[in-house]
Amino acid sequence: MGGMSDVRVQLLAKELEAGQRVQVYDPLADLGRWGLMLHRWRTRRALLQLDDRQLRDIGLTWEQAWREGRKPFWKD
């Protein structure tokens, strides 16, 4: 899964402390409607396949993951 590295997070924190304007890249912004729906479908399907340890790592309960994973891909 995509994410920000520890180095990038530290750099952003320094920029915020210095009062600089921070521009964060949003990879989903360029997908368009169909790309976003496909992304939702894939990530929600992957969420349903995580075990208890993996869910704890991302801070979700089984019920929360199930609720999000069962949402239709066209819903936000």
C-alpha atoms as a PDB file:
ATOM      1  CA  MET A   1       0.000   0.000   0.000  1.00  0.00           C
ATOM      2  CA  GLY A   2       1.170   3.492  -0.741  1.00  0.00           C
ATOM      3  CA  GLY A   3       2.094   5.792   2.030  1.00  0.00           C
ATOM      4  CA  MET A   4       4.524   8.344   3.251  1.00  0.00           C
ATOM      5  CA  SER A   5       7.961   7.336   4.405  1.00  0.00           C
ATOM      6  CA  ASP A   6       9.237   8.341   7.839  1.00  0.00           C
ATOM      7  CA  VAL A   7      11.698  10.696   6.163  1.00  0.00           C
ATOM      8  CA  ARG A   8       8.944  12.495   4.267  1.00  0.00           C
ATOM      9  CA  VAL A   9       6.837  12.808   7.413  1.00  0.00           C
ATOM     10  CA  GLN A  10       9.796  14.340   9.265  1.00  0.00           C
ATOM     11  CA  LEU A  11      10.396  16.811   6.432  1.00  0.00           C
ATOM     12  CA  LEU A  12       6.744  17.860   6.454  1.00  0.00           C
ATOM     13  CA  ALA A  13       6.864  18.340  10.225  1.00  0.00           C
ATOM     14  CA  LYS A  14       9.911  20.610   9.877  1.00  0.00           C
ATOM     15  CA  GLU A  15       8.195  22.649   7.175  1.00  0.00           C
ATOM     16  CA  LEU A  16       5.120  23.061   9.373  1.00  0.00           C
ATOM     17  CA  GLU A  17       7.238  24.150  12.353  1.00  0.00           C
ATOM     18  CA  ALA A  18       9.006  26.716  10.187  1.00  0.00           C
ATOM     19  CA  GLY A  19       5.634  28.117   9.125  1.00  0.00           C
ATOM     20  CA  GLN A  20       6.155  27.193   5.489  1.00  0.00           C
ATOM     21  CA  ARG A  21       3.248  26.416   3.244  1.00  0.00           C
ATOM     22  CA  VAL A  22       3.097  22.637   2.858  1.00  0.00           C
ATOM     23  CA  GLN A  23       1.820  21.050  -0.328  1.00  0.00           C
ATOM     24  CA  VAL A  24       0.987  17.372   0.040  1.00  0.00           C
ATOM     25  CA  TYR A  25       0.574  15.201  -3.028  1.00  0.00           C
ATOM     26  CA  ASP A  26      -2.807  13.498  -3.244  1.00  0.00           C
ATOM     27  CA  PRO A  27      -2.471  10.488  -5.565  1.00  0.00           C
ATOM     28  CA  LEU A  28      -6.250   9.966  -5.705  1.00  0.00           C
ATOM     29  CA  ALA A  29      -6.863  13.444  -7.114  1.00  0.00           C
ATOM     30  CA  ASP A  30      -5.655  12.393 -10.589  1.00  0.00           C
ATOM     31  CA  LEU A  31      -7.639   9.168 -10.860  1.00  0.00           C
ATOM     32  CA  GLY A  32     -10.937  10.472 -12.136  1.00  0.00           C
ATOM     33  CA  ARG A  33     -14.304   8.966 -11.282  1.00  0.00           C
ATOM     34  CA  TRP A  34     -13.707   5.434 -12.610  1.00  0.00           C
ATOM     35  CA  GLY A  35     -10.192   5.231 -11.234  1.00  0.00           C
ATOM     36  CA  LEU A  36     -11.422   6.288  -7.804  1.00  0.00           C
ATOM     37  CA  MET A  37     -14.161   3.658  -7.856  1.00  0.00           C
ATOM     38  CA  LEU A  38     -11.667   0.979  -8.874  1.00  0.00           C
ATOM     39  CA  HIS A  39      -9.318   2.097  -6.093  1.00  0.00           C
ATOM     40  CA  ARG A  40     -12.147   1.891  -3.535  1.00  0.00           C
ATOM     41  CA  TRP A  41     -13.156  -1.572  -4.739  1.00  0.00           C
ATOM     42  CA  ARG A  42      -9.597  -2.916  -4.524  1.00  0.00           C
ATOM     43  CA  THR A  43      -8.741  -1.394  -1.158  1.00  0.00           C
ATOM     44  CA  ARG A  44     -12.027  -2.416   0.437  1.00  0.00           C
ATOM     45  CA  ARG A  45     -11.564  -5.961  -0.834  1.00  0.00           C
ATOM     46  CA  ALA A  46      -8.025  -5.986   0.593  1.00  0.00           C
ATOM     47  CA  LEU A  47      -9.322  -4.678   3.919  1.00  0.00           C
ATOM     48  CA  LEU A  48     -11.594  -7.714   4.257  1.00  0.00           C
ATOM     49  CA  GLN A  49      -8.584 -10.022   3.894  1.00  0.00           C
ATOM     50  CA  LEU A  50      -6.547  -8.576   6.786  1.00  0.00           C
ATOM     51  CA  ASP A  51      -6.090 -10.667   9.916  1.00  0.00           C
ATOM     52  CA  ASP A  52      -6.505  -9.428  13.507  1.00  0.00           C
ATOM     53  CA  ARG A  53      -2.830  -8.481  13.893  1.00  0.00           C
ATOM     54  CA  GLN A  54      -2.837  -6.446  10.697  1.00  0.00           C
ATOM     55  CA  LEU A  55      -6.051  -4.695  11.694  1.00  0.00           C
ATOM     56  CA  ARG A  56      -4.516  -3.779  15.061  1.00  0.00           C
ATOM     57  CA  ASP A  57      -1.512  -2.343  13.213  1.00  0.00           C
ATOM     58  CA  ILE A  58      -3.729   0.076  11.313  1.00  0.00           C
ATOM     59  CA  GLY A  59      -5.933   0.816  14.327  1.00  0.00           C
ATOM     60  CA  LEU A  60      -9.162  -0.801  13.203  1.00  0.00           C
ATOM     61  CA  THR A  61     -11.426  -3.313  14.846  1.00  0.00           C
ATOM     62  CA  TRP A  62     -12.814  -6.241  12.900  1.00  0.00           C
ATOM     63  CA  GLU A  63     -16.260  -4.609  12.933  1.00  0.00           C
ATOM     64  CA  GLN A  64     -14.920  -1.317  11.524  1.00  0.00           C
ATOM     65  CA  ALA A  65     -13.020  -3.126   8.778  1.00  0.00           C
ATOM     66  CA  TRP A  66     -16.069  -5.237   7.931  1.00  0.00           C
ATOM     67  CA  ARG A  67     -18.335  -2.179   7.774  1.00  0.00           C
ATOM     68  CA  GLU A  68     -15.913  -0.301   5.484  1.00  0.00           C
ATOM     69  CA  GLY A  69     -15.070  -3.353   3.397  1.00  0.00           C
ATOM     70  CA  ARG A  70     -18.728  -4.135   2.695  1.00  0.00           C
ATOM     71  CA  LYS A  71     -19.522  -0.641   1.404  1.00  0.00           C
ATOM     72  CA  PRO A  72     -20.295  -0.449  -2.313  1.00  0.00           C
ATOM     73  CA  PHE A  73     -17.419   1.007  -4.348  1.00  0.00           C
ATOM     74  CA  TRP A  74     -19.510   3.944  -5.515  1.00  0.00           C
ATOM     75  CA  LYS A  75     -20.085   5.214  -1.957  1.00  0.00           C
ATOM     76  CA  ASP A  76     -17.625   7.506  -0.237  1.00  0.00           C
END
